[in-house]
C-alpha cells in the first residue's frame, strides 16, 4: 500500500507532459520506496503519514524537511541525517 501511495503522489504531482521532476523529489521517492518496504524502519511511520495526508508533492519543497529537521523524537539524529543526506545528494545533481 505504501509504495502505491508513493507512486500515486509522484504521478499526481506531474502537471504537464514531459515535466522534469526535481532531483531532490526523485531522490526522496527512491529513498522513501526503500523505507516503505520495511515497516520496522525508523522513518516508516513519518513517510507513511506524509503520503496519507497529501495526494501530491509540492515540487518546490523538500518533502518532510521541516518535520525531520525540527524533530524532537527519540530518533531525531537519524531523521536529520537522512534528510540532510537527501538534500546534499539533491544539490549535487545537475538540476
C-alpha atoms as a PDB file:
ATOM      1  CA  UNK A   1       0.000   0.000   0.000  1.00  0.00           C
ATOM      2  CA  UNK A   2       2.802   2.442   0.862  1.00  0.00           C
ATOM      3  CA  UNK A   3       4.519   2.086  -2.499  1.00  0.00           C
ATOM      4  CA  UNK A   4       1.224   2.621  -4.290  1.00  0.00           C
ATOM      5  CA  UNK A   5       0.634   5.830  -2.291  1.00  0.00           C
ATOM      6  CA  UNK A   6       4.139   6.995  -3.155  1.00  0.00           C
ATOM      7  CA  UNK A   7       3.725   6.328  -6.863  1.00  0.00           C
ATOM      8  CA  UNK A   8       0.286   7.978  -6.910  1.00  0.00           C
ATOM      9  CA  UNK A   9       1.711  11.052  -5.160  1.00  0.00           C
ATOM     10  CA  UNK A  10       4.503  11.346  -7.713  1.00  0.00           C
ATOM     11  CA  UNK A  11       2.087  10.819 -10.591  1.00  0.00           C
ATOM     12  CA  UNK A  12      -0.414  13.360  -9.217  1.00  0.00           C
ATOM     13  CA  UNK A  13       2.382  15.929  -8.897  1.00  0.00           C
ATOM     14  CA  UNK A  14       3.127  15.907 -12.618  1.00  0.00           C
ATOM     15  CA  UNK A  15       1.035  18.633 -14.209  1.00  0.00           C
ATOM     16  CA  UNK A  16       2.474  18.796 -17.744  1.00  0.00           C
ATOM     17  CA  UNK A  17       3.613  16.200 -20.267  1.00  0.00           C
ATOM     18  CA  UNK A  18       7.360  15.574 -20.012  1.00  0.00           C
ATOM     19  CA  UNK A  19       7.637  17.723 -16.890  1.00  0.00           C
ATOM     20  CA  UNK A  20      11.001  17.421 -15.169  1.00  0.00           C
ATOM     21  CA  UNK A  21      10.879  16.154 -11.629  1.00  0.00           C
ATOM     22  CA  UNK A  22      13.378  17.973  -9.402  1.00  0.00           C
ATOM     23  CA  UNK A  23      16.218  15.677  -8.416  1.00  0.00           C
ATOM     24  CA  UNK A  24      15.553  16.071  -4.706  1.00  0.00           C
ATOM     25  CA  UNK A  25      11.952  14.887  -5.228  1.00  0.00           C
ATOM     26  CA  UNK A  26      13.142  11.930  -7.310  1.00  0.00           C
ATOM     27  CA  UNK A  27      15.710  11.071  -4.639  1.00  0.00           C
ATOM     28  CA  UNK A  28      13.069  11.344  -1.929  1.00  0.00           C
ATOM     29  CA  UNK A  29      10.820   8.963  -3.867  1.00  0.00           C
ATOM     30  CA  UNK A  30      13.688   6.498  -4.331  1.00  0.00           C
ATOM     31  CA  UNK A  31      14.709   6.606  -0.666  1.00  0.00           C
ATOM     32  CA  UNK A  32      11.109   6.515   0.533  1.00  0.00           C
ATOM     33  CA  UNK A  33      10.408   3.442  -1.595  1.00  0.00           C
ATOM     34  CA  UNK A  34      13.188   1.567   0.225  1.00  0.00           C
ATOM     35  CA  UNK A  35      11.855   2.705   3.607  1.00  0.00           C
ATOM     36  CA  UNK A  36       8.297   1.684   2.733  1.00  0.00           C
ATOM     37  CA  UNK A  37       9.425  -1.873   2.020  1.00  0.00           C
ATOM     38  CA  UNK A  38      10.443  -2.288   5.684  1.00  0.00           C
ATOM     39  CA  UNK A  39       7.699  -1.463   8.190  1.00  0.00           C
ATOM     40  CA  UNK A  40      10.229  -1.622  11.047  1.00  0.00           C
ATOM     41  CA  UNK A  41      12.313   1.224   9.576  1.00  0.00           C
ATOM     42  CA  UNK A  42      12.637   4.304  11.801  1.00  0.00           C
ATOM     43  CA  UNK A  43      11.166   6.599   9.137  1.00  0.00           C
ATOM     44  CA  UNK A  44       8.341   4.309   8.018  1.00  0.00           C
ATOM     45  CA  UNK A  45       5.645   5.976  10.139  1.00  0.00           C
ATOM     46  CA  UNK A  46       6.643   9.529   9.190  1.00  0.00           C
ATOM     47  CA  UNK A  47       6.779   8.785   5.462  1.00  0.00           C
ATOM     48  CA  UNK A  48       3.528   6.806   5.511  1.00  0.00           C
ATOM     49  CA  UNK A  49       1.736   9.584   7.388  1.00  0.00           C
ATOM     50  CA  UNK A  50       3.092  12.174   4.958  1.00  0.00           C
ATOM     51  CA  UNK A  51       1.844  10.183   1.964  1.00  0.00           C
ATOM     52  CA  UNK A  52      -1.583   9.598   3.508  1.00  0.00           C
ATOM     53  CA  UNK A  53      -2.041  13.298   4.313  1.00  0.00           C
ATOM     54  CA  UNK A  54      -1.174  14.632   0.863  1.00  0.00           C
ATOM     55  CA  UNK A  55      -2.197  13.314  -2.526  1.00  0.00           C
ATOM     56  CA  UNK A  56       0.682  15.002  -4.359  1.00  0.00           C
ATOM     57  CA  UNK A  57       4.096  16.558  -3.774  1.00  0.00           C
ATOM     58  CA  UNK A  58       4.796  20.259  -3.843  1.00  0.00           C
ATOM     59  CA  UNK A  59       7.638  20.213  -6.373  1.00  0.00           C
ATOM     60  CA  UNK A  60       9.159  23.354  -4.842  1.00  0.00           C
ATOM     61  CA  UNK A  61       9.510  21.978  -1.298  1.00  0.00           C
ATOM     62  CA  UNK A  62      11.660  19.150   0.041  1.00  0.00           C
ATOM     63  CA  UNK A  63       9.223  16.582   1.455  1.00  0.00           C
ATOM     64  CA  UNK A  64       9.407  16.136   5.249  1.00  0.00           C
ATOM     65  CA  UNK A  65      12.263  18.646   5.550  1.00  0.00           C
ATOM     66  CA  UNK A  66      10.691  20.660   8.373  1.00  0.00           C
ATOM     67  CA  UNK A  67       9.414  17.535  10.125  1.00  0.00           C
ATOM     68  CA  UNK A  68      12.829  15.888  10.201  1.00  0.00           C
ATOM     69  CA  UNK A  69      14.988  18.974  10.825  1.00  0.00           C
ATOM     70  CA  UNK A  70      12.887  20.198  13.762  1.00  0.00           C
ATOM     71  CA  UNK A  71      12.098  16.728  15.092  1.00  0.00           C
ATOM     72  CA  UNK A  72      12.271  16.104  18.815  1.00  0.00           C
ATOM     73  CA  UNK A  73      11.648  12.372  18.570  1.00  0.00           C
ATOM     74  CA  UNK A  74      13.943   9.738  20.013  1.00  0.00           C
ATOM     75  CA  UNK A  75      15.383   9.205  16.513  1.00  0.00           C
ATOM     76  CA  UNK A  76      15.974  12.895  15.765  1.00  0.00           C
ATOM     77  CA  UNK A  77      19.635  12.339  14.836  1.00  0.00           C
ATOM     78  CA  UNK A  78      18.757   9.648  12.307  1.00  0.00           C
ATOM     79  CA  UNK A  79      15.960  11.800  10.873  1.00  0.00           C
ATOM     80  CA  UNK A  80      18.189  14.853  10.484  1.00  0.00           C
ATOM     81  CA  UNK A  81      20.979  12.784   8.987  1.00  0.00           C
ATOM     82  CA  UNK A  82      18.590  11.161   6.496  1.00  0.00           C
ATOM     83  CA  UNK A  83      17.081  14.447   5.299  1.00  0.00           C
ATOM     84  CA  UNK A  84      20.466  16.204   5.137  1.00  0.00           C
ATOM     85  CA  UNK A  85      21.907  13.361   3.025  1.00  0.00           C
ATOM     86  CA  UNK A  86      18.896  13.730   0.746  1.00  0.00           C
ATOM     87  CA  UNK A  87      19.445  17.496   0.420  1.00  0.00           C
ATOM     88  CA  UNK A  88      23.170  17.004  -0.190  1.00  0.00           C
ATOM     89  CA  UNK A  89      22.538  14.445  -2.926  1.00  0.00           C
ATOM     90  CA  UNK A  90      19.876  16.691  -4.478  1.00  0.00           C
ATOM     91  CA  UNK A  91      22.210  19.680  -4.524  1.00  0.00           C
ATOM     92  CA  UNK A  92      24.980  17.664  -6.167  1.00  0.00           C
ATOM     93  CA  UNK A  93      22.822  16.769  -9.146  1.00  0.00           C
ATOM     94  CA  UNK A  94      22.725  18.606 -12.461  1.00  0.00           C
ATOM     95  CA  UNK A  95      19.271  20.180 -11.978  1.00  0.00           C
END
